[in-house]
Amino acid sequence: MPHEVVVLALDDVVAFDLGVPSQVFGAARDADGRPFYRIRVCTPDGRPVRTSAGFTAVPEHGPEILAAADTVVVPGVHGGTALLDGTLEPPVAAALARRRPDSRIMSICTGAFVLAAAGTLDGRPATTHWAYVERFRALHPTVRLDPDVLFVDDGDVLSSAGVGAGVDLCLHVIRQDHGSAVANGAARRSVMPPWREGGQSQFIERPMPAPTGASTAEARAWALERLHEPLDLARLARRAGMSVRTFTRRFREETGISPAQWLVRQRIEEARRLLETTDLPVDQVAERAGLGTAASLRQHLHTTVGVSPAAYRRTFGASAV
């Protein structure tokens, strides 16, 4: 049976956010074209809701379908008491109370205010749009807010930064549920990159660096073809024709993270790809991905997805699929 995704649309819902789950989850299919997810939209009372784009959305369902949801998605809002004073209108609170305790819940953009107002984020890590960080912290000081990332995965509770980061989060969930091949296929159908580098810190308004015409993009592309080789900072800087200091600064401006963090991420993704698509021994996977040893691969993979290489391969490897 397809995984049941229910999108809870509230008044003043961000129109882009409302459409993202249906588009991205709907693009995740098996080799025979069968969908992995069924996506439905509801409102707290079954009535139409205003959107931020100046039109009204008419749902096909009321809150009763939340009880059957495996995953609930709360898109961003541009109004309502959750944003104003950190509380929920009674119909919204009643709708969220219908959710199964074992279901997964996700927020996109300012939808995190709704989850926080419901108490779902108390003491947990989360993120939201960078422009709302100070308001969020003032209303919900117990939430461990990280304003620098595109999304936060805390197991059964996930949140994303603004607007486009909802796409990143949905693709991440597909990747966790069904592996990189399915997520990459969904990204291609949606004409989106399967993975964006860096966090939302690269999008925060700040003085622009002086234009120099220099970029680290070519060095990054070059490094992706050589992940199995030693790639220290000096070598990358030489490839870009920059000093180490300039390269490091420019790299962070362009990606939102340091060169070392970027390399680790790329190597983990390459290791995951090799585990999914080949039967290479774990030590060879680690070597080809540039992670050195099997022990290093185990540590990185456990930190990233919480499982060992063998367990990951059993779940997402070609034979499993």
Protein backbone atom coordinates (compact mmCIF):
# COMPACT_ATOMS: atom_id res chain seq x y z
CA MET A 1 0.00 0.00 0.00
CA PRO A 2 1.27 3.51 -0.73
CA HIS A 3 2.47 5.55 2.21
CA GLU A 4 -0.31 7.97 3.24
CA VAL A 5 0.74 11.64 3.20
CA VAL A 6 -1.78 14.23 4.39
CA VAL A 7 -1.15 17.94 3.91
CA LEU A 8 -2.90 20.14 6.47
CA ALA A 9 -3.61 23.52 4.85
CA LEU A 10 -4.37 26.45 7.15
CA ASP A 11 -5.67 29.92 6.36
CA ASP A 12 -3.06 32.15 4.69
CA VAL A 13 -1.13 29.04 3.59
CA VAL A 14 1.93 29.72 1.45
CA ALA A 15 0.77 28.64 -2.01
CA PHE A 16 4.15 27.23 -3.11
CA ASP A 17 4.50 25.20 0.10
CA LEU A 18 1.02 23.77 -0.38
CA GLY A 19 1.91 22.31 -3.76
CA VAL A 20 5.35 20.94 -2.93
CA PRO A 21 4.38 17.67 -1.15
CA SER A 22 1.98 16.61 -3.90
CA GLN A 23 4.53 17.34 -6.61
CA VAL A 24 7.63 15.83 -5.00
CA PHE A 25 6.14 12.83 -3.20
CA GLY A 26 3.92 12.20 -6.20
CA ALA A 27 7.01 11.90 -8.39
CA ALA A 28 8.44 9.00 -6.32
CA ARG A 29 7.64 5.77 -8.16
CA ASP A 30 8.92 2.24 -8.50
CA ALA A 31 10.37 0.68 -11.63
CA ASP A 32 6.86 -0.11 -12.91
CA GLY A 33 5.64 3.44 -12.39
CA ARG A 34 3.61 2.68 -9.28
CA PRO A 35 3.58 5.54 -6.74
CA PHE A 36 5.18 5.04 -3.36
CA TYR A 37 2.98 7.71 -1.76
CA ARG A 38 -0.66 8.78 -1.80
CA ILE A 39 -1.02 12.50 -1.09
CA ARG A 40 -4.22 14.14 0.09
CA VAL A 41 -4.97 17.68 1.26
CA CYS A 42 -7.28 18.65 4.09
CA THR A 43 -8.18 21.69 6.16
CA PRO A 44 -9.11 21.88 9.86
CA ASP A 45 -12.84 22.10 9.06
CA GLY A 46 -13.04 20.87 5.47
CA ARG A 47 -13.70 24.39 4.18
CA PRO A 48 -11.67 26.40 1.63
CA VAL A 49 -8.66 28.34 2.88
CA ARG A 50 -7.05 31.56 1.73
CA THR A 51 -3.58 31.32 0.23
CA SER A 52 -0.75 33.83 0.29
CA ALA A 53 -1.01 34.16 -3.49
CA GLY A 54 -4.44 35.79 -3.59
CA PHE A 55 -6.60 32.78 -4.40
CA THR A 56 -8.61 30.28 -2.38
CA ALA A 57 -7.76 26.59 -2.17
CA VAL A 58 -10.69 24.18 -2.02
CA PRO A 59 -9.74 20.92 -0.26
CA GLU A 60 -11.23 17.54 -1.00
CA HIS A 61 -11.08 16.43 2.63
CA GLY A 62 -11.67 17.47 6.21
CA PRO A 63 -9.55 16.69 9.28
CA GLU A 64 -10.86 13.14 9.60
CA ILE A 65 -8.21 11.84 7.16
CA LEU A 66 -5.42 12.88 9.54
CA ALA A 67 -6.12 9.75 11.59
CA ALA A 68 -5.05 7.58 8.62
CA ALA A 69 -1.90 9.55 7.78
CA ASP A 70 1.54 7.96 7.96
CA THR A 71 3.05 11.42 7.40
CA VAL A 72 1.45 14.81 8.07
CA VAL A 73 2.84 17.91 6.35
CA VAL A 74 2.11 21.45 7.61
CA PRO A 75 2.99 24.05 4.95
CA GLY A 76 4.07 27.58 5.81
CA VAL A 77 1.58 30.30 6.72
CA HIS A 78 1.62 34.07 6.37
CA GLY A 79 -0.93 34.74 9.09
CA GLY A 80 -2.82 33.27 12.02
CA THR A 81 -2.25 33.12 15.75
CA ALA A 82 0.65 30.66 15.48
CA LEU A 83 2.70 33.43 13.88
CA LEU A 84 1.16 36.23 15.93
CA ASP A 85 1.44 34.97 19.50
CA GLY A 86 2.48 31.31 19.37
CA THR A 87 -0.98 29.81 19.96
CA LEU A 88 -3.31 27.66 17.89
CA GLU A 89 -6.90 28.35 16.92
CA PRO A 90 -9.15 25.62 18.45
CA PRO A 91 -10.00 24.01 15.06
CA VAL A 92 -6.30 23.71 14.21
CA ALA A 93 -5.45 22.20 17.61
CA ALA A 94 -8.36 19.77 17.27
CA ALA A 95 -7.24 18.75 13.78
CA LEU A 96 -3.65 18.07 14.89
CA ALA A 97 -4.98 16.04 17.82
CA ARG A 98 -6.42 13.56 15.30
CA ARG A 99 -2.91 12.59 14.18
CA ARG A 100 -1.78 9.07 15.06
CA PRO A 101 0.93 9.07 17.76
CA ASP A 102 3.17 6.91 15.56
CA SER A 103 2.88 9.10 12.47
CA ARG A 104 5.63 11.32 11.12
CA ILE A 105 5.07 15.09 10.99
CA MET A 106 6.85 17.66 8.83
CA SER A 107 6.72 21.43 8.55
CA ILE A 108 7.72 23.64 5.63
CA CYS A 109 8.92 27.20 6.24
CA THR A 110 6.76 28.94 8.88
CA GLY A 111 4.77 25.76 9.37
CA ALA A 112 7.29 25.22 12.18
CA PHE A 113 5.39 27.88 14.15
CA VAL A 114 2.31 25.63 14.02
CA LEU A 115 4.26 22.59 15.23
CA ALA A 116 5.87 24.64 17.99
CA ALA A 117 2.54 26.09 19.11
CA ALA A 118 1.21 22.53 19.37
CA GLY A 119 4.13 21.58 21.65
CA THR A 120 5.53 19.12 19.10
CA LEU A 121 8.94 20.83 18.98
CA ASP A 122 9.50 21.31 22.73
CA GLY A 123 13.13 20.46 23.50
CA ARG A 124 13.75 19.27 19.94
CA PRO A 125 15.87 20.60 17.05
CA ALA A 126 14.06 22.45 14.27
CA THR A 127 14.45 25.16 11.66
CA THR A 128 12.31 27.74 9.88
CA HIS A 129 12.72 30.58 7.40
CA TRP A 130 15.71 32.74 8.34
CA ALA A 131 13.61 35.94 8.30
CA TYR A 132 11.44 34.62 11.16
CA VAL A 133 14.22 33.36 13.43
CA GLU A 134 14.05 36.10 16.07
CA ARG A 135 10.26 35.91 16.31
CA PHE A 136 10.41 32.13 16.60
CA ARG A 137 13.01 32.23 19.37
CA ALA A 138 11.01 34.80 21.31
CA LEU A 139 7.83 32.71 21.13
CA HIS A 140 9.42 29.27 21.59
CA PRO A 141 12.65 29.48 23.61
CA THR A 142 12.64 25.75 24.45
CA VAL A 143 12.98 24.72 20.79
CA ARG A 144 16.58 24.08 19.68
CA LEU A 145 16.36 26.25 16.58
CA ASP A 146 19.07 25.97 13.92
CA PRO A 147 18.67 28.83 11.44
CA ASP A 148 21.62 27.84 9.23
CA VAL A 149 20.35 24.58 7.71
CA LEU A 150 17.94 23.76 4.89
CA PHE A 151 16.12 21.16 6.96
CA VAL A 152 16.26 19.25 10.23
CA ASP A 153 15.51 15.53 10.54
CA ASP A 154 14.77 14.52 14.12
CA GLY A 155 13.26 11.15 13.33
CA ASP A 156 9.48 11.44 13.51
CA VAL A 157 9.55 15.26 13.48
CA LEU A 158 11.12 17.15 10.57
CA SER A 159 11.20 20.80 9.58
CA SER A 160 12.54 22.83 6.67
CA ALA A 161 13.62 26.38 6.01
CA GLY A 162 11.73 28.67 3.67
CA VAL A 163 9.84 27.77 0.51
CA GLY A 164 12.32 25.93 -1.75
CA ALA A 165 13.78 24.06 1.23
CA GLY A 166 10.48 22.19 1.42
CA VAL A 167 11.54 20.47 -1.80
CA ASP A 168 14.87 19.54 -0.21
CA LEU A 169 13.09 18.07 2.81
CA CYS A 170 10.63 16.02 0.75
CA LEU A 171 13.48 14.61 -1.38
CA HIS A 172 15.39 13.80 1.81
CA VAL A 173 12.40 11.89 3.18
CA ILE A 174 12.06 9.93 -0.06
CA ARG A 175 15.79 9.15 0.10
CA GLN A 176 15.42 7.90 3.68
CA ASP A 177 12.32 5.85 2.83
CA HIS A 178 13.36 4.33 -0.50
CA GLY A 179 17.01 5.15 -1.26
CA SER A 180 18.90 7.55 -3.48
CA ALA A 181 17.79 6.05 -6.80
CA VAL A 182 14.10 6.73 -6.10
CA ALA A 183 14.85 10.20 -4.70
CA ASN A 184 16.99 11.05 -7.71
CA GLY A 185 14.20 9.90 -10.01
CA ALA A 186 11.69 12.11 -8.18
CA ALA A 187 14.11 15.03 -8.44
CA ARG A 188 14.50 14.50 -12.19
CA ARG A 189 10.73 14.39 -12.70
CA SER A 190 10.43 17.61 -10.71
CA VAL A 191 13.36 19.16 -12.64
CA MET A 192 15.16 19.80 -9.35
CA PRO A 193 18.65 18.95 -8.07
CA PRO A 194 18.49 15.85 -5.86
CA TRP A 195 20.70 17.53 -3.27
CA ARG A 196 21.58 21.19 -2.69
CA GLU A 197 24.88 22.13 -1.15
CA GLY A 198 25.13 24.18 2.01
CA GLY A 199 22.44 25.57 4.27
CA GLN A 200 20.11 28.53 4.23
CA SER A 201 22.84 30.73 5.68
CA GLN A 202 23.95 31.32 2.08
CA PHE A 203 20.57 32.95 1.34
CA ILE A 204 20.40 35.31 4.33
CA GLU A 205 20.50 38.96 3.35
CA ARG A 206 24.01 40.32 3.89
CA PRO A 207 26.39 42.64 2.06
CA MET A 208 27.44 41.02 -1.19
CA PRO A 209 31.14 40.21 -1.65
CA ALA A 210 33.00 42.32 -4.14
CA PRO A 211 32.63 40.82 -7.63
CA THR A 212 35.86 39.21 -8.75
CA GLY A 213 34.72 36.71 -11.36
CA ALA A 214 36.43 33.98 -9.34
CA SER A 215 34.38 30.95 -8.32
CA THR A 216 35.01 27.62 -6.61
CA ALA A 217 32.50 25.81 -8.85
CA GLU A 218 35.10 24.36 -11.22
CA ALA A 219 37.21 23.13 -8.31
CA ARG A 220 34.15 21.48 -6.77
CA ALA A 221 33.29 19.73 -10.04
CA TRP A 222 36.91 18.62 -10.36
CA ALA A 223 36.88 17.27 -6.79
CA LEU A 224 33.72 15.24 -7.41
CA GLU A 225 35.63 13.22 -10.00
CA ARG A 226 38.45 12.54 -7.50
CA LEU A 227 36.75 11.82 -4.18
CA HIS A 228 38.94 8.73 -3.79
CA GLU A 229 42.10 10.86 -3.86
CA PRO A 230 43.63 12.98 -1.06
CA LEU A 231 41.98 16.39 -1.42
CA ASP A 232 43.39 18.82 1.08
CA LEU A 233 42.54 22.50 1.18
CA ALA A 234 45.78 23.57 -0.48
CA ARG A 235 45.19 21.30 -3.47
CA LEU A 236 41.64 22.58 -3.98
CA ALA A 237 42.80 26.18 -3.69
CA ARG A 238 45.52 25.61 -6.29
CA ARG A 239 42.94 24.11 -8.64
CA ALA A 240 40.81 27.25 -8.26
CA GLY A 241 43.83 29.51 -8.71
CA MET A 242 43.34 31.14 -5.31
CA SER A 243 45.14 31.44 -2.03
CA VAL A 244 43.91 29.09 0.69
CA ARG A 245 42.41 32.02 2.60
CA THR A 246 40.56 33.41 -0.41
CA PHE A 247 39.38 29.98 -1.50
CA THR A 248 38.02 29.16 1.96
CA ARG A 249 36.14 32.45 2.19
CA ARG A 250 34.74 32.20 -1.34
CA PHE A 251 33.79 28.54 -0.86
CA ARG A 252 31.73 29.33 2.24
CA GLU A 253 30.06 32.29 0.50
CA GLU A 254 29.02 30.05 -2.40
CA THR A 255 27.97 26.91 -0.52
CA GLY A 256 27.26 27.96 3.06
CA ILE A 257 29.70 25.40 4.50
CA SER A 258 33.44 24.85 4.72
CA PRO A 259 35.41 22.84 2.12
CA ALA A 260 36.01 20.08 4.69
CA GLN A 261 32.30 19.76 5.50
CA TRP A 262 31.45 19.73 1.80
CA LEU A 263 33.96 16.98 1.05
CA VAL A 264 32.64 14.76 3.83
CA ARG A 265 29.08 15.17 2.56
CA GLN A 266 30.04 14.31 -1.01
CA ARG A 267 32.00 11.26 0.11
CA ILE A 268 29.13 9.99 2.23
CA GLU A 269 26.75 10.40 -0.71
CA GLU A 270 29.17 8.52 -2.96
CA ALA A 271 29.46 5.73 -0.40
CA ARG A 272 25.67 5.49 -0.22
CA ARG A 273 25.49 5.29 -4.02
CA LEU A 274 28.07 2.50 -4.11
CA LEU A 275 26.29 0.58 -1.34
CA GLU A 276 23.03 0.85 -3.26
CA THR A 277 24.30 0.01 -6.74
CA THR A 278 27.27 -2.36 -6.29
CA ASP A 279 28.23 -5.44 -4.30
CA LEU A 280 31.70 -4.13 -3.47
CA PRO A 281 33.01 -5.06 0.00
CA VAL A 282 32.58 -2.31 2.58
CA ASP A 283 36.31 -1.59 2.75
CA GLN A 284 36.42 -1.01 -1.03
CA VAL A 285 33.36 1.23 -0.84
CA ALA A 286 35.12 3.29 1.83
CA GLU A 287 38.27 3.52 -0.27
CA ARG A 288 36.49 4.51 -3.50
CA ALA A 289 34.42 7.13 -1.69
CA GLY A 290 37.50 8.65 -0.12
CA LEU A 291 36.55 7.78 3.45
CA GLY A 292 39.64 5.66 3.99
CA THR A 293 38.65 2.65 6.05
CA ALA A 294 35.57 0.57 6.69
CA ALA A 295 35.58 1.82 10.27
CA SER A 296 35.49 5.42 9.07
CA LEU A 297 32.61 4.62 6.70
CA ARG A 298 30.67 2.94 9.50
CA GLN A 299 31.11 5.96 11.75
CA HIS A 300 30.09 8.49 9.11
CA LEU A 301 27.11 6.46 7.91
CA HIS A 302 25.87 5.85 11.43
CA THR A 303 26.11 9.56 12.17
CA THR A 304 24.28 10.45 8.95
CA VAL A 305 21.52 7.85 8.70
CA GLY A 306 21.81 5.89 11.94
CA VAL A 307 22.64 2.46 10.47
CA SER A 308 25.68 0.38 9.54
CA PRO A 309 26.80 -0.08 5.89
CA ALA A 310 25.51 -3.65 5.92
CA ALA A 311 22.09 -2.60 7.22
CA TYR A 312 21.94 0.23 4.70
CA ARG A 313 22.74 -2.15 1.85
CA ARG A 314 20.10 -4.65 3.01
CA THR A 315 17.49 -1.89 2.90
CA PHE A 316 18.49 0.07 -0.19
CA GLY A 317 20.78 -2.19 -2.20
CA ALA A 318 19.89 -3.40 -5.67
CA SER A 319 18.84 -6.83 -4.42
CA ALA A 320 16.54 -5.27 -1.83
CA VAL A 321 14.90 -3.00 -4.39
